[in-house]
Amino acid sequence: MRCHTAKMTDPGFRTKAELLKAIEESRAGLDALLKRARPDELTGRRDDAGWNVKDHLAHIAAWERSLIALLAGRSRAKAVGIDDGEYAGLDTDGINARIQAEHEERPLALILSEYQEVHEQVMYRVRRMSQEDLEKPYSHYQPDEPGEQAGAPIVGWIIGNTCGHFDEHRNAIEALLA
């Protein structure tokens, strides 16, 4: 469940307008679900991995911070609060466990605030990107981070850290709130 779809080779979106619409609709669905929940429902019940709704929201915000860093050419590791060297040695589940542990004791109000603020920052950046920018490879934004996906268009990482990620966690959050 803790997989993170940060890389997609065929995002399925052909235009920036389609991408923005998908992100906005996905986020609206997640936000509507959260608005129906009481605060105690966001911090109470835990899933099989030990996560409550607040943990899922902190996780989403952390990966969106990572996306902001990616687009700015900064360290994604530092954006999620992990040392670059340690980050390189962790798989996605290890990174996610570190994110969850770092935010577990933080107040719900702070997590909810960050969840909203970070998303607004992501949307500001994505709206300012051109169609050409969306088609540039990952390596254009992170030239010092080679890898087998370095030539793939950045739009895949945008999807993987926004609408794709929101949809993945919305299902888990729905189950926790059921």
Protein backbone atom coordinates (compact mmCIF):
# COMPACT_ATOMS: atom_id res chain seq x y z
CA MET A 1 0.00 0.00 0.00
CA ARG A 2 2.81 2.40 0.69
CA CYS A 3 3.93 2.33 -2.93
CA HIS A 4 4.40 5.67 -4.45
CA THR A 5 3.78 6.17 -8.15
CA ALA A 6 6.38 8.87 -8.64
CA LYS A 7 7.33 7.79 -12.14
CA MET A 8 4.96 7.15 -14.99
CA THR A 9 6.11 6.57 -18.53
CA ASP A 10 2.70 7.10 -20.20
CA PRO A 11 0.81 9.68 -18.19
CA GLY A 12 -2.21 9.58 -20.48
CA PHE A 13 -2.57 13.37 -20.57
CA ARG A 14 -1.85 15.16 -23.78
CA THR A 15 -2.33 18.77 -22.68
CA LYS A 16 -1.59 20.94 -19.69
CA ALA A 17 -5.31 21.73 -19.40
CA GLU A 18 -6.11 18.00 -19.09
CA LEU A 19 -3.42 17.61 -16.45
CA LEU A 20 -4.66 20.58 -14.40
CA LYS A 21 -8.25 19.35 -14.60
CA ALA A 22 -7.24 15.86 -13.43
CA ILE A 23 -5.25 17.24 -10.51
CA GLU A 24 -8.03 19.61 -9.46
CA GLU A 25 -10.75 16.95 -9.70
CA SER A 26 -8.71 14.37 -7.82
CA ARG A 27 -7.83 16.80 -5.06
CA ALA A 28 -11.44 18.00 -4.80
CA GLY A 29 -12.56 14.40 -4.27
CA LEU A 30 -10.02 13.89 -1.52
CA ASP A 31 -10.85 17.22 0.12
CA ALA A 32 -14.60 16.46 0.04
CA LEU A 33 -13.94 13.20 1.84
CA LEU A 34 -11.88 14.98 4.50
CA LYS A 35 -14.53 17.67 5.04
CA ARG A 36 -17.05 15.01 6.05
CA ALA A 37 -14.71 13.59 8.71
CA ARG A 38 -14.49 14.64 12.35
CA PRO A 39 -11.02 15.47 13.73
CA ASP A 40 -11.01 12.33 15.90
CA GLU A 41 -11.64 10.24 12.76
CA LEU A 42 -8.49 11.71 11.20
CA THR A 43 -6.28 10.67 14.10
CA GLY A 44 -7.97 7.58 15.48
CA ARG A 45 -8.35 4.39 13.52
CA ARG A 46 -5.22 2.93 11.86
CA ASP A 47 -4.85 0.73 8.82
CA ASP A 48 -2.86 -2.50 8.60
CA ALA A 49 0.35 -0.51 8.13
CA GLY A 50 -0.33 1.49 11.30
CA TRP A 51 -1.26 4.72 9.51
CA ASN A 52 -4.19 6.95 10.39
CA VAL A 53 -5.71 9.58 8.06
CA LYS A 54 -3.38 12.26 9.45
CA ASP A 55 -0.39 10.08 8.48
CA HIS A 56 -1.71 9.77 4.93
CA LEU A 57 -2.09 13.56 4.68
CA ALA A 58 1.42 14.20 6.03
CA HIS A 59 2.72 11.68 3.50
CA ILE A 60 0.91 13.39 0.61
CA ALA A 61 2.26 16.79 1.69
CA ALA A 62 5.80 15.41 1.99
CA TRP A 63 5.76 14.00 -1.54
CA GLU A 64 4.33 17.25 -2.89
CA ARG A 65 7.22 19.08 -1.14
CA SER A 66 9.48 16.62 -2.93
CA LEU A 67 7.86 17.58 -6.24
CA ILE A 68 8.46 21.27 -5.56
CA ALA A 69 12.12 20.52 -4.89
CA LEU A 70 12.34 18.39 -8.03
CA LEU A 71 10.98 21.19 -10.21
CA ALA A 72 13.32 23.72 -8.58
CA GLY A 73 16.39 21.51 -9.02
CA ARG A 74 16.81 21.08 -5.26
CA SER A 75 17.26 17.98 -3.14
CA ARG A 76 14.12 15.89 -2.96
CA ALA A 77 15.56 14.10 0.06
CA LYS A 78 15.96 17.29 2.05
CA ALA A 79 12.45 18.33 1.04
CA VAL A 80 11.06 15.28 2.83
CA GLY A 81 13.43 15.69 5.77
CA ILE A 82 15.96 12.96 5.01
CA ASP A 83 19.71 13.26 4.49
CA ASP A 84 20.71 12.80 0.83
CA GLY A 85 23.00 9.87 1.60
CA GLU A 86 20.42 8.06 3.68
CA TYR A 87 17.71 8.75 1.09
CA ALA A 88 19.82 7.15 -1.64
CA GLY A 89 20.03 3.96 0.43
CA LEU A 90 16.31 3.69 1.11
CA ASP A 91 13.63 2.17 -1.06
CA THR A 92 10.24 3.87 -1.34
CA ASP A 93 8.83 1.96 1.64
CA GLY A 94 11.82 3.03 3.74
CA ILE A 95 11.38 6.66 2.74
CA ASN A 96 7.68 6.48 3.51
CA ALA A 97 8.35 4.93 6.93
CA ARG A 98 10.73 7.79 7.74
CA ILE A 99 8.16 10.37 6.64
CA GLN A 100 5.47 8.74 8.76
CA ALA A 101 7.71 8.53 11.82
CA GLU A 102 8.79 12.17 11.46
CA HIS A 103 5.21 13.46 11.36
CA GLU A 104 3.46 11.02 13.67
CA GLU A 105 3.53 13.26 16.76
CA ARG A 106 2.82 16.55 14.96
CA PRO A 107 -0.57 18.15 15.65
CA LEU A 108 -3.42 17.51 13.24
CA ALA A 109 -3.98 21.24 12.67
CA LEU A 110 -0.39 21.67 11.51
CA ILE A 111 -0.60 18.66 9.18
CA LEU A 112 -3.87 19.94 7.67
CA SER A 113 -2.36 23.38 7.16
CA GLU A 114 0.74 21.98 5.44
CA TYR A 115 -1.39 19.65 3.33
CA GLN A 116 -3.22 22.71 1.93
CA GLU A 117 -0.25 25.10 1.69
CA VAL A 118 2.09 22.69 -0.05
CA HIS A 119 -0.59 21.79 -2.59
CA GLU A 120 -1.17 25.47 -3.36
CA GLN A 121 2.58 25.85 -3.97
CA VAL A 122 2.58 22.84 -6.31
CA MET A 123 -0.37 24.18 -8.27
CA TYR A 124 1.24 27.60 -8.55
CA ARG A 125 4.33 26.02 -10.09
CA VAL A 126 2.47 23.65 -12.40
CA ARG A 127 0.18 26.42 -13.68
CA ARG A 128 3.26 28.46 -14.58
CA MET A 129 4.77 25.61 -16.59
CA SER A 130 4.34 25.49 -20.34
CA GLN A 131 3.38 22.39 -22.29
CA GLU A 132 7.02 22.23 -23.36
CA ASP A 133 8.15 22.34 -19.71
CA LEU A 134 5.88 19.37 -18.91
CA GLU A 135 7.50 17.38 -21.70
CA LYS A 136 11.08 18.06 -20.58
CA PRO A 137 12.85 15.06 -19.07
CA TYR A 138 13.42 14.50 -15.38
CA SER A 139 17.13 15.06 -16.01
CA HIS A 140 16.40 18.65 -17.10
CA TYR A 141 15.16 19.37 -13.58
CA GLN A 142 17.53 17.05 -11.70
CA PRO A 143 20.70 16.82 -13.84
CA ASP A 144 22.80 15.35 -11.02
CA GLU A 145 20.38 12.50 -10.39
CA PRO A 146 20.89 9.98 -13.19
CA GLY A 147 18.76 6.90 -13.39
CA GLU A 148 16.91 4.69 -15.80
CA GLN A 149 13.91 7.07 -15.77
CA ALA A 150 15.99 10.28 -16.15
CA GLY A 151 14.85 10.72 -19.76
CA ALA A 152 11.15 10.34 -19.04
CA PRO A 153 8.96 13.47 -19.21
CA ILE A 154 8.53 15.33 -15.92
CA VAL A 155 4.75 15.22 -16.29
CA GLY A 156 4.88 11.62 -15.04
CA TRP A 157 6.37 12.74 -11.74
CA ILE A 158 3.82 15.53 -11.49
CA ILE A 159 0.99 13.05 -11.93
CA GLY A 160 2.60 10.57 -9.57
CA ASN A 161 2.91 13.17 -6.82
CA THR A 162 -0.51 14.77 -7.35
CA CYS A 163 -3.63 13.17 -8.87
CA GLY A 164 -2.21 9.65 -9.05
CA HIS A 165 -1.11 9.89 -5.45
CA PHE A 166 -4.32 11.52 -4.24
CA ASP A 167 -6.41 8.75 -5.81
CA GLU A 168 -4.23 6.06 -4.26
CA HIS A 169 -4.56 7.53 -0.78
CA ARG A 170 -8.21 8.50 -1.13
CA ASN A 171 -9.04 4.79 -1.30
CA ALA A 172 -7.07 4.10 1.87
CA ILE A 173 -8.62 7.09 3.64
CA GLU A 174 -12.14 6.02 2.62
CA ALA A 175 -11.48 2.64 4.17
CA LEU A 176 -10.27 4.25 7.40
CA LEU A 177 -13.33 6.49 7.59
CA ALA A 178 -15.84 3.73 6.73
